């Protein structure tokens, strides 16, 4: 009996030791990625100052890029999620107010943050969708920065980001893609021009790929579980022609503006209806036109 007990104690000790080593490895791996410094050559993008460009930037930041979804309509930032197991995820206060980064950001810092997902300290920004924003045209990046620089200061001091034990395991195992900066080709320049604004396939293609649609619905737009999302989120819908076959243009408009499907059910978070409803008729129609031309796929065929 004593021998058996001794073996159990030894086995338990070995198991605990293995778990400690594994936990230490996960911690060091994620910590190294958290502290990695990215050296990215400054990009010269003209930042306009005229009122029309600032208004254009405000619209892009709200209805298209949806910066105001995470950073709030005043761009003052907030605690997006605080879960002891996963971590605390905080969006920056982008203004020049107390607790904001606006007063320390240079134009090239804004460009680096938007297009490369890298902060002014050289570290990767968390959940910054720069893989999408990197497709924004030079003019549209400049307009967004012009708008961000124009917003009134807001005093809002926020707690730091943290990464919990489960979050570290998910990051280390590739189940929670936290940093776009790790996967972006930082040598690719911003497109010089966007397609002309209007209800066209070309402009719809542009809006879908800079506006975050592929982030949730997947590269093929076939929907399914959202990579790196909150486990409580429902899967994203299939928005290829297969998933949209029951809809016509008017019904598509209605869904993006009311958040209610044609069967009367309400679309749940994280679908950003509060922002898609602010798209113009031309923008919504352009997206509809483009989605009808993508390859039909079965739900979840990412």
Protein backbone atom coordinates (compact mmCIF):
# COMPACT_ATOMS: atom_id res chain seq x y z
CA UNK A 1 0.00 0.00 0.00
CA UNK A 2 2.84 2.36 0.90
CA UNK A 3 4.60 1.51 -2.37
CA UNK A 4 1.45 2.27 -4.36
CA UNK A 5 0.98 5.54 -2.50
CA UNK A 6 4.63 6.46 -3.12
CA UNK A 7 4.18 5.79 -6.85
CA UNK A 8 1.04 7.91 -6.96
CA UNK A 9 2.83 10.77 -5.21
CA UNK A 10 5.80 10.49 -7.60
CA UNK A 11 3.49 10.40 -10.66
CA UNK A 12 1.56 13.40 -9.37
CA UNK A 13 4.82 15.25 -8.79
CA UNK A 14 5.99 14.49 -12.30
CA UNK A 15 2.66 15.66 -13.72
CA UNK A 16 2.79 18.89 -11.74
CA UNK A 17 6.36 19.45 -12.92
CA UNK A 18 5.37 18.92 -16.55
CA UNK A 19 2.43 21.31 -16.17
CA UNK A 20 4.66 23.94 -14.59
CA UNK A 21 7.19 23.61 -17.41
CA UNK A 22 4.43 23.80 -20.01
CA UNK A 23 2.91 26.85 -18.33
CA UNK A 24 6.33 28.48 -18.20
CA UNK A 25 6.88 27.78 -21.87
CA UNK A 26 3.50 29.27 -22.81
CA UNK A 27 4.19 32.34 -20.68
CA UNK A 28 7.62 32.95 -22.18
CA UNK A 29 6.39 32.40 -25.74
CA UNK A 30 3.51 34.84 -25.39
CA UNK A 31 5.60 37.34 -23.44
CA UNK A 32 8.21 37.40 -26.19
CA UNK A 33 5.50 38.06 -28.74
CA UNK A 34 3.98 40.78 -26.56
CA UNK A 35 7.33 42.54 -26.25
CA UNK A 36 8.49 42.14 -29.85
CA UNK A 37 9.57 45.42 -31.44
CA UNK A 38 8.68 45.98 -35.10
CA UNK A 39 10.92 48.25 -37.14
CA UNK A 40 8.87 49.66 -40.00
CA UNK A 41 10.10 52.37 -42.35
CA UNK A 42 7.97 55.53 -42.10
CA UNK A 43 5.47 55.99 -44.93
CA UNK A 44 4.75 59.43 -46.27
CA UNK A 45 1.00 59.80 -46.67
CA UNK A 46 -0.41 63.31 -47.14
CA UNK A 47 -2.73 64.35 -44.30
CA UNK A 48 -5.30 66.87 -45.55
CA UNK A 49 -6.69 69.68 -43.44
CA UNK A 50 -9.75 70.77 -45.43
CA UNK A 51 -13.23 70.23 -44.02
CA UNK A 52 -14.38 67.97 -46.86
CA UNK A 53 -11.52 65.52 -46.29
CA UNK A 54 -12.10 65.53 -42.53
CA UNK A 55 -15.80 64.82 -43.11
CA UNK A 56 -14.83 62.00 -45.46
CA UNK A 57 -12.50 60.63 -42.79
CA UNK A 58 -15.25 60.80 -40.17
CA UNK A 59 -17.56 58.77 -42.40
CA UNK A 60 -14.89 56.20 -43.16
CA UNK A 61 -13.97 55.86 -39.47
CA UNK A 62 -17.60 55.35 -38.54
CA UNK A 63 -19.46 53.48 -41.27
CA UNK A 64 -16.68 51.70 -43.17
CA UNK A 65 -13.57 51.05 -41.04
CA UNK A 66 -15.72 51.14 -37.89
CA UNK A 67 -12.98 52.65 -35.73
CA UNK A 68 -15.73 54.05 -33.52
CA UNK A 69 -16.93 50.51 -32.75
CA UNK A 70 -13.90 49.74 -30.56
CA UNK A 71 -12.65 53.25 -29.78
CA UNK A 72 -16.17 54.68 -29.10
CA UNK A 73 -17.88 57.48 -31.05
CA UNK A 74 -15.72 60.10 -29.27
CA UNK A 75 -12.59 58.03 -29.94
CA UNK A 76 -11.92 58.10 -26.19
CA UNK A 77 -11.38 54.34 -25.88
CA UNK A 78 -12.87 51.81 -23.49
CA UNK A 79 -12.40 48.44 -21.85
CA UNK A 80 -13.69 46.19 -24.62
CA UNK A 81 -13.56 42.98 -22.58
CA UNK A 82 -12.34 42.09 -19.09
CA UNK A 83 -12.20 38.37 -18.45
CA UNK A 84 -9.72 37.06 -15.84
CA UNK A 85 -9.15 33.88 -17.83
CA UNK A 86 -8.80 35.46 -21.27
CA UNK A 87 -7.46 38.88 -20.35
CA UNK A 88 -8.36 42.53 -20.42
CA UNK A 89 -8.64 44.11 -23.86
CA UNK A 90 -8.60 47.90 -23.96
CA UNK A 91 -8.93 50.22 -26.95
CA UNK A 92 -6.76 53.33 -26.85
CA UNK A 93 -8.05 56.80 -26.15
CA UNK A 94 -7.04 58.34 -29.48
CA UNK A 95 -7.67 61.94 -28.46
CA UNK A 96 -5.29 64.53 -27.01
CA UNK A 97 -7.06 64.42 -23.65
CA UNK A 98 -5.72 63.03 -20.40
CA UNK A 99 -4.99 59.35 -20.87
CA UNK A 100 -5.01 59.73 -24.67
CA UNK A 101 -2.25 59.11 -27.18
CA UNK A 102 -3.20 61.89 -29.60
CA UNK A 103 -0.64 64.32 -28.20
CA UNK A 104 2.29 61.93 -28.73
CA UNK A 105 1.36 60.52 -32.13
CA UNK A 106 3.13 61.82 -35.22
CA UNK A 107 1.62 61.44 -38.68
CA UNK A 108 3.87 58.45 -39.43
CA UNK A 109 2.76 56.86 -36.14
CA UNK A 110 -0.88 57.05 -37.20
CA UNK A 111 -0.01 55.50 -40.57
CA UNK A 112 1.96 52.72 -38.87
CA UNK A 113 -0.88 51.98 -36.45
CA UNK A 114 -3.59 51.90 -39.13
CA UNK A 115 -1.73 50.10 -41.90
CA UNK A 116 0.66 47.90 -39.94
CA UNK A 117 -1.00 47.35 -36.56
CA UNK A 118 2.05 48.69 -34.72
CA UNK A 119 1.89 51.32 -31.97
CA UNK A 120 4.14 54.32 -31.46
CA UNK A 121 6.22 52.20 -29.05
CA UNK A 122 6.98 49.71 -31.83
CA UNK A 123 4.89 46.90 -30.32
CA UNK A 124 2.00 45.14 -32.05
CA UNK A 125 -1.47 46.51 -31.33
CA UNK A 126 -4.01 43.97 -30.10
CA UNK A 127 -7.02 43.15 -32.28
CA UNK A 128 -6.20 46.05 -34.62
CA UNK A 129 -7.59 44.95 -38.02
CA UNK A 130 -4.67 46.27 -40.03
CA UNK A 131 -4.77 43.28 -42.37
CA UNK A 132 -7.94 44.96 -43.69
CA UNK A 133 -6.86 48.57 -43.21
CA UNK A 134 -3.67 47.91 -45.18
CA UNK A 135 -5.88 47.80 -48.28
CA UNK A 136 -7.15 51.35 -47.72
CA UNK A 137 -6.03 53.83 -50.35
CA UNK A 138 -3.51 56.55 -49.56
CA UNK A 139 -6.27 59.15 -49.80
CA UNK A 140 -8.59 57.28 -47.43
CA UNK A 141 -5.83 56.65 -44.87
CA UNK A 142 -5.00 60.35 -44.96
CA UNK A 143 -8.65 61.32 -44.53
CA UNK A 144 -9.09 59.01 -41.51
CA UNK A 145 -5.97 60.42 -39.85
CA UNK A 146 -7.13 63.97 -40.56
CA UNK A 147 -10.41 63.19 -38.82
CA UNK A 148 -8.79 61.48 -35.82
CA UNK A 149 -6.49 64.46 -35.32
CA UNK A 150 -9.47 66.82 -35.44
CA UNK A 151 -11.59 65.27 -32.69
CA UNK A 152 -11.89 67.21 -29.41
CA UNK A 153 -9.76 66.03 -26.47
CA UNK A 154 -11.47 63.67 -24.05
CA UNK A 155 -10.02 62.90 -20.62
CA UNK A 156 -10.26 59.14 -20.18
CA UNK A 157 -7.51 57.23 -18.39
CA UNK A 158 -7.81 53.51 -19.02
CA UNK A 159 -6.26 50.43 -17.38
CA UNK A 160 -3.57 48.48 -19.24
CA UNK A 161 -4.16 45.45 -21.42
CA UNK A 162 -3.57 42.08 -19.80
CA UNK A 163 -3.45 38.51 -21.06
CA UNK A 164 -4.93 35.81 -18.83
CA UNK A 165 -3.79 32.18 -18.57
CA UNK A 166 -6.41 30.81 -20.95
CA UNK A 167 -5.73 33.71 -23.32
CA UNK A 168 -2.03 32.86 -23.32
CA UNK A 169 -2.74 29.22 -24.14
CA UNK A 170 -5.10 30.21 -26.96
CA UNK A 171 -2.56 32.66 -28.38
CA UNK A 172 0.30 30.16 -28.12
CA UNK A 173 -1.75 27.46 -29.85
CA UNK A 174 -2.87 29.78 -32.64
CA UNK A 175 -6.53 29.71 -31.58
CA UNK A 176 -6.70 33.43 -30.80
CA UNK A 177 -4.97 35.59 -33.43
CA UNK A 178 -4.23 38.65 -31.34
CA UNK A 179 -1.79 40.64 -33.45
CA UNK A 180 -2.35 41.40 -37.13
CA UNK A 181 1.19 42.77 -37.22
CA UNK A 182 2.57 39.22 -37.09
CA UNK A 183 0.95 38.27 -40.38
CA UNK A 184 1.14 41.45 -42.46
CA UNK A 185 3.63 41.93 -45.28
CA UNK A 186 4.96 45.27 -44.07
CA UNK A 187 6.74 45.94 -47.36
CA UNK A 188 3.50 46.38 -49.31
CA UNK A 189 2.65 50.02 -49.99
CA UNK A 190 -0.83 51.46 -49.64
CA UNK A 191 -2.84 51.50 -52.89
CA UNK A 192 -2.46 54.89 -54.50
CA UNK A 193 -6.13 55.12 -55.39
CA UNK A 194 -9.42 53.53 -54.39
CA UNK A 195 -12.06 52.79 -57.03
CA UNK A 196 -14.31 55.78 -57.65
CA UNK A 197 -17.07 56.07 -55.06
CA UNK A 198 -20.30 54.70 -56.45
CA UNK A 199 -22.61 51.69 -56.76
CA UNK A 200 -20.13 49.53 -58.66
CA UNK A 201 -18.62 46.05 -58.31
CA UNK A 202 -15.15 47.54 -57.98
CA UNK A 203 -16.13 49.83 -55.13
CA UNK A 204 -18.09 47.05 -53.43
CA UNK A 205 -15.02 44.82 -53.57
CA UNK A 206 -12.97 47.61 -51.98
CA UNK A 207 -15.48 48.23 -49.18
CA UNK A 208 -15.83 44.54 -48.31
CA UNK A 209 -12.07 44.12 -47.97
CA UNK A 210 -11.28 47.31 -46.04
CA UNK A 211 -14.42 47.29 -43.90
CA UNK A 212 -13.82 44.14 -41.88
CA UNK A 213 -16.32 41.82 -43.59
CA UNK A 214 -13.66 39.17 -44.16
CA UNK A 215 -12.52 39.45 -40.54
CA UNK A 216 -15.71 37.82 -39.27
CA UNK A 217 -17.20 36.12 -42.33
CA UNK A 218 -13.85 34.68 -43.41
CA UNK A 219 -11.67 35.15 -46.50
CA UNK A 220 -14.27 33.39 -48.67
CA UNK A 221 -17.20 35.16 -46.92
CA UNK A 222 -18.81 31.76 -46.23
CA UNK A 223 -19.19 32.41 -42.51
CA UNK A 224 -18.73 30.02 -39.62
CA UNK A 225 -17.09 30.38 -36.19
CA UNK A 226 -15.26 33.69 -35.86
CA UNK A 227 -11.52 33.16 -35.50
CA UNK A 228 -10.29 34.58 -32.20
CA UNK A 229 -13.72 35.83 -31.24
CA UNK A 230 -15.61 35.60 -27.98
CA UNK A 231 -16.79 31.98 -27.57
CA UNK A 232 -20.24 33.36 -26.81
CA UNK A 233 -20.53 34.93 -30.25
CA UNK A 234 -22.75 33.15 -32.77
CA UNK A 235 -21.07 32.02 -36.01
CA UNK A 236 -20.90 34.54 -38.81
CA UNK A 237 -23.41 34.17 -41.61
CA UNK A 238 -22.63 32.90 -45.09
CA UNK A 239 -22.76 36.02 -47.27
CA UNK A 240 -21.80 34.35 -50.54
CA UNK A 241 -24.63 33.92 -53.07
CA UNK A 242 -25.43 30.59 -51.37
CA UNK A 243 -26.21 32.30 -48.09
CA UNK A 244 -27.91 35.32 -49.66
CA UNK A 245 -30.13 33.44 -52.12
CA UNK A 246 -33.26 34.19 -50.07
CA UNK A 247 -32.61 37.94 -50.13
CA UNK A 248 -33.17 40.66 -52.67
CA UNK A 249 -31.51 44.06 -52.66
CA UNK A 250 -34.20 45.79 -50.60
CA UNK A 251 -34.08 43.06 -47.95
CA UNK A 252 -30.28 43.28 -47.83
CA UNK A 253 -30.54 47.04 -47.26
CA UNK A 254 -33.04 46.42 -44.47
CA UNK A 255 -30.82 43.89 -42.70
CA UNK A 256 -27.80 46.21 -42.67
CA UNK A 257 -29.88 49.11 -41.37
CA UNK A 258 -32.18 47.47 -38.85
CA UNK A 259 -30.29 44.35 -37.80
CA UNK A 260 -33.43 42.29 -38.32
CA UNK A 261 -33.54 39.39 -40.77
CA UNK A 262 -36.47 38.84 -43.12
CA UNK A 263 -37.77 36.10 -40.79
CA UNK A 264 -37.98 38.64 -37.98
CA UNK A 265 -35.02 37.36 -35.97
CA UNK A 266 -32.51 39.88 -34.68
CA UNK A 267 -28.85 39.70 -35.67
CA UNK A 268 -26.64 39.42 -32.59
CA UNK A 269 -23.27 40.88 -31.77
CA UNK A 270 -20.63 41.22 -33.07
CA UNK A 271 -22.39 42.26 -36.29
CA UNK A 272 -21.86 46.06 -36.22
CA UNK A 273 -25.34 47.18 -37.24
CA UNK A 274 -24.89 50.46 -35.33
CA UNK A 275 -22.24 51.29 -37.93
CA UNK A 276 -23.36 49.55 -41.12
CA UNK A 277 -26.63 51.45 -40.91
CA UNK A 278 -24.64 54.65 -41.50
CA UNK A 279 -23.40 53.56 -44.93
CA UNK A 280 -24.76 55.51 -47.87
CA UNK A 281 -27.13 53.95 -50.39
CA UNK A 282 -24.30 53.80 -52.95
CA UNK A 283 -22.00 52.01 -50.49
CA UNK A 284 -24.61 49.46 -49.45
CA UNK A 285 -25.61 48.84 -53.06
CA UNK A 286 -21.97 48.44 -54.12
CA UNK A 287 -21.44 45.79 -51.42
CA UNK A 288 -24.63 43.98 -52.48
CA UNK A 289 -23.51 44.01 -56.11
CA UNK A 290 -20.10 42.61 -55.21
CA UNK A 291 -21.37 39.88 -52.87
CA UNK A 292 -23.58 38.53 -55.62
CA UNK A 293 -20.50 37.92 -57.78
CA UNK A 294 -18.27 36.02 -55.31
CA UNK A 295 -17.89 32.25 -55.55
CA UNK A 296 -20.91 30.49 -53.99
CA UNK A 297 -19.84 28.35 -51.04
CA UNK A 298 -21.49 26.22 -48.41
CA UNK A 299 -21.69 27.62 -44.90
CA UNK A 300 -18.35 27.56 -43.11
CA UNK A 301 -16.25 26.72 -46.18
CA UNK A 302 -13.48 29.16 -45.34
